[in-house]
Amino acid sequence: MKTVKLADLYDNTGSIVKHDPTFAPLYLQEKAETLEVLRGADQILWDMTYEKIGNEALSLGAAA
């Protein structure tokens, strides 16, 4: 179940940042916190999602 939730988070992150940049910072903060709860899911997907959240947060900072 954790891996499914993690895959959903991974898949949605880019589109949230792209289509709602005003909401994206809050979304990314909340999802970074959610990652801790999802420990125990597929480790490769967890690492990819952690990296994606970080990269998207950096991209928002560069756009500001």
PDB file of N, CA and C in Angstrom:
ATOM      1  N   MET A   1       0.821  -1.195   0.000  1.00  0.00           N
ATOM      2  CA  MET A   1       0.000   0.000   0.000  1.00  0.00           C
ATOM      3  C   MET A   1       0.868   1.264   0.000  1.00  0.00           C
ATOM      4  N   LYS A   2       1.966   1.244   0.763  1.00  0.00           N
ATOM      5  CA  LYS A   2       2.838   2.404   0.810  1.00  0.00           C
ATOM      6  C   LYS A   2       3.459   2.675  -0.556  1.00  0.00           C
ATOM      7  N   THR A   3       3.798   1.622  -1.269  1.00  0.00           N
ATOM      8  CA  THR A   3       4.418   1.805  -2.580  1.00  0.00           C
ATOM      9  C   THR A   3       3.433   2.421  -3.564  1.00  0.00           C
ATOM     10  N   VAL A   4       2.175   2.053  -3.487  1.00  0.00           N
ATOM     11  CA  VAL A   4       1.148   2.636  -4.362  1.00  0.00           C
ATOM     12  C   VAL A   4       1.005   4.131  -4.068  1.00  0.00           C
ATOM     13  N   LYS A   5       0.933   4.488  -2.801  1.00  0.00           N
ATOM     14  CA  LYS A   5       0.827   5.895  -2.408  1.00  0.00           C
ATOM     15  C   LYS A   5       2.056   6.673  -2.868  1.00  0.00           C
ATOM     16  N   LEU A   6       3.218   6.059  -2.733  1.00  0.00           N
ATOM     17  CA  LEU A   6       4.462   6.687  -3.153  1.00  0.00           C
ATOM     18  C   LEU A   6       4.485   6.910  -4.661  1.00  0.00           C
ATOM     19  N   ALA A   7       4.032   5.930  -5.426  1.00  0.00           N
ATOM     20  CA  ALA A   7       3.977   6.072  -6.883  1.00  0.00           C
ATOM     21  C   ALA A   7       3.029   7.200  -7.281  1.00  0.00           C
ATOM     22  N   ASP A   8       1.920   7.315  -6.592  1.00  0.00           N
ATOM     23  CA  ASP A   8       0.961   8.389  -6.841  1.00  0.00           C
ATOM     24  C   ASP A   8       1.594   9.753  -6.549  1.00  0.00           C
ATOM     25  N   LEU A   9       2.294   9.848  -5.442  1.00  0.00           N
ATOM     26  CA  LEU A   9       2.974  11.088  -5.071  1.00  0.00           C
ATOM     27  C   LEU A   9       4.003  11.454  -6.135  1.00  0.00           C
ATOM     28  N   TYR A  10       4.791  10.477  -6.563  1.00  0.00           N
ATOM     29  CA  TYR A  10       5.811  10.707  -7.588  1.00  0.00           C
ATOM     30  C   TYR A  10       5.166  11.223  -8.874  1.00  0.00           C
ATOM     31  N   ASP A  11       4.097  10.575  -9.275  1.00  0.00           N
ATOM     32  CA  ASP A  11       3.436  10.914 -10.535  1.00  0.00           C
ATOM     33  C   ASP A  11       2.778  12.294 -10.494  1.00  0.00           C
ATOM     34  N   ASN A  12       2.219  12.669  -9.371  1.00  0.00           N
ATOM     35  CA  ASN A  12       1.481  13.936  -9.274  1.00  0.00           C
ATOM     36  C   ASN A  12       2.362  15.159  -9.056  1.00  0.00           C
ATOM     37  N   THR A  13       3.539  14.958  -8.515  1.00  0.00           N
ATOM     38  CA  THR A  13       4.364  16.096  -8.100  1.00  0.00           C
ATOM     39  C   THR A  13       4.678  17.064  -9.237  1.00  0.00           C
ATOM     40  N   GLY A  14       5.119  16.566 -10.358  1.00  0.00           N
ATOM     41  CA  GLY A  14       5.469  17.436 -11.480  1.00  0.00           C
ATOM     42  C   GLY A  14       4.290  18.244 -11.993  1.00  0.00           C
ATOM     43  N   SER A  15       3.135  17.597 -12.096  1.00  0.00           N
ATOM     44  CA  SER A  15       1.978  18.321 -12.634  1.00  0.00           C
ATOM     45  C   SER A  15       1.453  19.363 -11.654  1.00  0.00           C
ATOM     46  N   ILE A  16       1.531  19.100 -10.353  1.00  0.00           N
ATOM     47  CA  ILE A  16       1.115  20.101  -9.361  1.00  0.00           C
ATOM     48  C   ILE A  16       2.004  21.343  -9.486  1.00  0.00           C
ATOM     49  N   VAL A  17       3.310  21.121  -9.567  1.00  0.00           N
ATOM     50  CA  VAL A  17       4.244  22.249  -9.671  1.00  0.00           C
ATOM     51  C   VAL A  17       4.008  23.025 -10.968  1.00  0.00           C
ATOM     52  N   LYS A  18       3.789  22.312 -12.043  1.00  0.00           N
ATOM     53  CA  LYS A  18       3.606  22.949 -13.350  1.00  0.00           C
ATOM     54  C   LYS A  18       2.287  23.727 -13.431  1.00  0.00           C
ATOM     55  N   HIS A  19       1.211  23.139 -12.928  1.00  0.00           N
ATOM     56  CA  HIS A  19      -0.118  23.719 -13.140  1.00  0.00           C
ATOM     57  C   HIS A  19      -0.615  24.589 -11.988  1.00  0.00           C
ATOM     58  N   ASP A  20       0.038  24.505 -10.831  1.00  0.00           N
ATOM     59  CA  ASP A  20      -0.400  25.323  -9.697  1.00  0.00           C
ATOM     60  C   ASP A  20       0.807  25.787  -8.877  1.00  0.00           C
ATOM     61  N   PRO A  21       1.629  26.652  -9.455  1.00  0.00           N
ATOM     62  CA  PRO A  21       2.852  27.083  -8.771  1.00  0.00           C
ATOM     63  C   PRO A  21       2.605  27.861  -7.475  1.00  0.00           C
ATOM     64  N   THR A  22       1.410  28.392  -7.300  1.00  0.00           N
ATOM     65  CA  THR A  22       1.097  29.093  -6.055  1.00  0.00           C
ATOM     66  C   THR A  22       0.920  28.100  -4.905  1.00  0.00           C
ATOM     67  N   PHE A  23       0.272  26.999  -5.188  1.00  0.00           N
ATOM     68  CA  PHE A  23       0.030  25.950  -4.190  1.00  0.00           C
ATOM     69  C   PHE A  23       1.242  25.027  -4.027  1.00  0.00           C
ATOM     70  N   ALA A  24       2.084  24.944  -5.031  1.00  0.00           N
ATOM     71  CA  ALA A  24       3.178  23.971  -5.066  1.00  0.00           C
ATOM     72  C   ALA A  24       4.101  24.009  -3.840  1.00  0.00           C
ATOM     73  N   PRO A  25       4.518  25.169  -3.334  1.00  0.00           N
ATOM     74  CA  PRO A  25       5.407  25.141  -2.168  1.00  0.00           C
ATOM     75  C   PRO A  25       4.801  24.423  -0.958  1.00  0.00           C
ATOM     76  N   LEU A  26       3.532  24.680  -0.688  1.00  0.00           N
ATOM     77  CA  LEU A  26       2.856  23.998   0.415  1.00  0.00           C
ATOM     78  C   LEU A  26       2.744  22.507   0.121  1.00  0.00           C
ATOM     79  N   TYR A  27       2.359  22.172  -1.091  1.00  0.00           N
ATOM     80  CA  TYR A  27       2.252  20.773  -1.500  1.00  0.00           C
ATOM     81  C   TYR A  27       3.582  20.045  -1.289  1.00  0.00           C
ATOM     82  N   LEU A  28       4.667  20.649  -1.756  1.00  0.00           N
ATOM     83  CA  LEU A  28       5.976  20.005  -1.641  1.00  0.00           C
ATOM     84  C   LEU A  28       6.389  19.838  -0.176  1.00  0.00           C
ATOM     85  N   GLN A  29       6.102  20.814   0.644  1.00  0.00           N
ATOM     86  CA  GLN A  29       6.421  20.704   2.064  1.00  0.00           C
ATOM     87  C   GLN A  29       5.646  19.554   2.707  1.00  0.00           C
ATOM     88  N   GLU A  30       4.370  19.498   2.424  1.00  0.00           N
ATOM     89  CA  GLU A  30       3.537  18.432   2.989  1.00  0.00           C
ATOM     90  C   GLU A  30       3.983  17.058   2.495  1.00  0.00           C
ATOM     91  N   LYS A  31       4.321  16.964   1.230  1.00  0.00           N
ATOM     92  CA  LYS A  31       4.715  15.669   0.676  1.00  0.00           C
ATOM     93  C   LYS A  31       6.097  15.245   1.151  1.00  0.00           C
ATOM     94  N   ALA A  32       6.967  16.193   1.429  1.00  0.00           N
ATOM     95  CA  ALA A  32       8.264  15.855   2.020  1.00  0.00           C
ATOM     96  C   ALA A  32       8.059  15.229   3.403  1.00  0.00           C
ATOM     97  N   GLU A  33       7.099  15.758   4.141  1.00  0.00           N
ATOM     98  CA  GLU A  33       6.763  15.185   5.447  1.00  0.00           C
ATOM     99  C   GLU A  33       6.112  13.810   5.288  1.00  0.00           C
ATOM    100  N   THR A  34       5.286  13.660   4.276  1.00  0.00           N
ATOM    101  CA  THR A  34       4.625  12.385   4.008  1.00  0.00           C
ATOM    102  C   THR A  34       5.636  11.294   3.678  1.00  0.00           C
ATOM    103  N   LEU A  35       6.723  11.663   3.042  1.00  0.00           N
ATOM    104  CA  LEU A  35       7.740  10.672   2.692  1.00  0.00           C
ATOM    105  C   LEU A  35       8.213   9.886   3.911  1.00  0.00           C
ATOM    106  N   GLU A  36       8.329  10.545   5.038  1.00  0.00           N
ATOM    107  CA  GLU A  36       8.798   9.845   6.240  1.00  0.00           C
ATOM    108  C   GLU A  36       7.833   8.731   6.640  1.00  0.00           C
ATOM    109  N   VAL A  37       6.550   8.956   6.454  1.00  0.00           N
ATOM    110  CA  VAL A  37       5.539   7.945   6.769  1.00  0.00           C
ATOM    111  C   VAL A  37       5.617   6.788   5.773  1.00  0.00           C
ATOM    112  N   LEU A  38       6.114   7.066   4.583  1.00  0.00           N
ATOM    113  CA  LEU A  38       6.156   6.053   3.531  1.00  0.00           C
ATOM    114  C   LEU A  38       7.451   5.237   3.520  1.00  0.00           C
ATOM    115  N   ARG A  39       8.251   5.405   4.549  1.00  0.00           N
ATOM    116  CA  ARG A  39       9.437   4.541   4.669  1.00  0.00           C
ATOM    117  C   ARG A  39       8.954   3.100   4.750  1.00  0.00           C
ATOM    118  N   GLY A  40       9.647   2.210   4.106  1.00  0.00           N
ATOM    119  CA  GLY A  40       9.227   0.816   4.053  1.00  0.00           C
ATOM    120  C   GLY A  40       8.614   0.475   2.711  1.00  0.00           C
ATOM    121  N   ALA A  41       8.315   1.505   1.920  1.00  0.00           N
ATOM    122  CA  ALA A  41       7.857   1.275   0.544  1.00  0.00           C
ATOM    123  C   ALA A  41       9.082   0.906  -0.297  1.00  0.00           C
ATOM    124  N   ASP A  42       8.878   0.667  -1.553  1.00  0.00           N
ATOM    125  CA  ASP A  42       9.979   0.351  -2.457  1.00  0.00           C
ATOM    126  C   ASP A  42      11.067   1.416  -2.335  1.00  0.00           C
ATOM    127  N   GLN A  43      12.281   0.997  -2.007  1.00  0.00           N
ATOM    128  CA  GLN A  43      13.356   1.944  -1.708  1.00  0.00           C
ATOM    129  C   GLN A  43      13.776   2.753  -2.927  1.00  0.00           C
ATOM    130  N   ILE A  44      13.824   2.136  -4.086  1.00  0.00           N
ATOM    131  CA  ILE A  44      14.220   2.864  -5.292  1.00  0.00           C
ATOM    132  C   ILE A  44      13.196   3.955  -5.609  1.00  0.00           C
ATOM    133  N   LEU A  45      11.931   3.619  -5.535  1.00  0.00           N
ATOM    134  CA  LEU A  45      10.880   4.605  -5.781  1.00  0.00           C
ATOM    135  C   LEU A  45      10.897   5.690  -4.709  1.00  0.00           C
ATOM    136  N   TRP A  46      11.159   5.321  -3.462  1.00  0.00           N
ATOM    137  CA  TRP A  46      11.255   6.316  -2.388  1.00  0.00           C
ATOM    138  C   TRP A  46      12.373   7.313  -2.688  1.00  0.00           C
ATOM    139  N   ASP A  47      13.536   6.792  -3.097  1.00  0.00           N
ATOM    140  CA  ASP A  47      14.676   7.660  -3.417  1.00  0.00           C
ATOM    141  C   ASP A  47      14.364   8.571  -4.605  1.00  0.00           C
ATOM    142  N   MET A  48      13.716   8.019  -5.616  1.00  0.00           N
ATOM    143  CA  MET A  48      13.351   8.817  -6.787  1.00  0.00           C
ATOM    144  C   MET A  48      12.379   9.931  -6.414  1.00  0.00           C
ATOM    145  N   THR A  49      11.421   9.620  -5.558  1.00  0.00           N
ATOM    146  CA  THR A  49      10.425  10.604  -5.137  1.00  0.00           C
ATOM    147  C   THR A  49      11.060  11.688  -4.281  1.00  0.00           C
ATOM    148  N   TYR A  50      11.948  11.291  -3.386  1.00  0.00           N
ATOM    149  CA  TYR A  50      12.681  12.256  -2.556  1.00  0.00           C
ATOM    150  C   TYR A  50      13.455  13.225  -3.445  1.00  0.00           C
ATOM    151  N   GLU A  51      14.131  12.695  -4.428  1.00  0.00           N
ATOM    152  CA  GLU A  51      14.900  13.525  -5.355  1.00  0.00           C
ATOM    153  C   GLU A  51      13.990  14.440  -6.174  1.00  0.00           C
ATOM    154  N   LYS A  52      12.866  13.902  -6.631  1.00  0.00           N
ATOM    155  CA  LYS A  52      11.938  14.706  -7.435  1.00  0.00           C
ATOM    156  C   LYS A  52      11.367  15.867  -6.626  1.00  0.00           C
ATOM    157  N   ILE A  53      10.984  15.611  -5.395  1.00  0.00           N
ATOM    158  CA  ILE A  53      10.454  16.678  -4.549  1.00  0.00           C
ATOM    159  C   ILE A  53      11.510  17.760  -4.352  1.00  0.00           C
ATOM    160  N   GLY A  54      12.740  17.352  -4.078  1.00  0.00           N
ATOM    161  CA  GLY A  54      13.822  18.313  -3.907  1.00  0.00           C
ATOM    162  C   GLY A  54      14.089  19.119  -5.160  1.00  0.00           C
ATOM    163  N   ASN A  55      14.125  18.457  -6.297  1.00  0.00           N
ATOM    164  CA  ASN A  55      14.371  19.154  -7.566  1.00  0.00           C
ATOM    165  C   ASN A  55      13.248  20.127  -7.906  1.00  0.00           C
ATOM    166  N   GLU A  56      12.019  19.717  -7.657  1.00  0.00           N
ATOM    167  CA  GLU A  56      10.882  20.608  -7.933  1.00  0.00           C
ATOM    168  C   GLU A  56      10.918  21.818  -7.002  1.00  0.00           C
ATOM    169  N   ALA A  57      11.288  21.610  -5.746  1.00  0.00           N
ATOM    170  CA  ALA A  57      11.393  22.733  -4.805  1.00  0.00           C
ATOM    171  C   ALA A  57      12.486  23.695  -5.286  1.00  0.00           C
ATOM    172  N   LEU A  58      13.601  23.158  -5.740  1.00  0.00           N
ATOM    173  CA  LEU A  58      14.676  24.002  -6.270  1.00  0.00           C
ATOM    174  C   LEU A  58      14.215  24.771  -7.501  1.00  0.00           C
ATOM    175  N   SER A  59      13.458  24.123  -8.367  1.00  0.00           N
ATOM    176  CA  SER A  59      12.988  24.804  -9.574  1.00  0.00           C
ATOM    177  C   SER A  59      12.044  25.954  -9.239  1.00  0.00           C
ATOM    178  N   LEU A  60      11.258  25.804  -8.209  1.00  0.00           N
ATOM    179  CA  LEU A  60      10.376  26.895  -7.782  1.00  0.00           C
ATOM    180  C   LEU A  60      11.198  28.055  -7.242  1.00  0.00           C
ATOM    181  N   GLY A  61      12.245  27.751  -6.514  1.00  0.00           N
ATOM    182  CA  GLY A  61      13.119  28.786  -5.993  1.00  0.00           C
ATOM    183  C   GLY A  61      13.818  29.541  -7.096  1.00  0.00           C
ATOM    184  N   ALA A  62      14.200  28.840  -8.157  1.00  0.00           N
ATOM    185  CA  ALA A  62      14.870  29.474  -9.302  1.00  0.00           C
ATOM    186  C   ALA A  62      13.897  30.331 -10.084  1.00  0.00           C
ATOM    187  N   ALA A  63      12.631  29.960 -10.059  1.00  0.00           N
ATOM    188  CA  ALA A  63      11.633  30.707 -10.829  1.00  0.00           C
ATOM    189  C   ALA A  63      11.205  31.979 -10.097  1.00  0.00           C
ATOM    190  N   ALA A  64      11.483  32.042  -8.818  1.00  0.00           N
ATOM    191  CA  ALA A  64      11.030  33.210  -8.030  1.00  0.00           C
ATOM    192  C   ALA A  64      11.899  34.423  -8.267  1.00  0.00           C
TER     193      ALA A  64
END
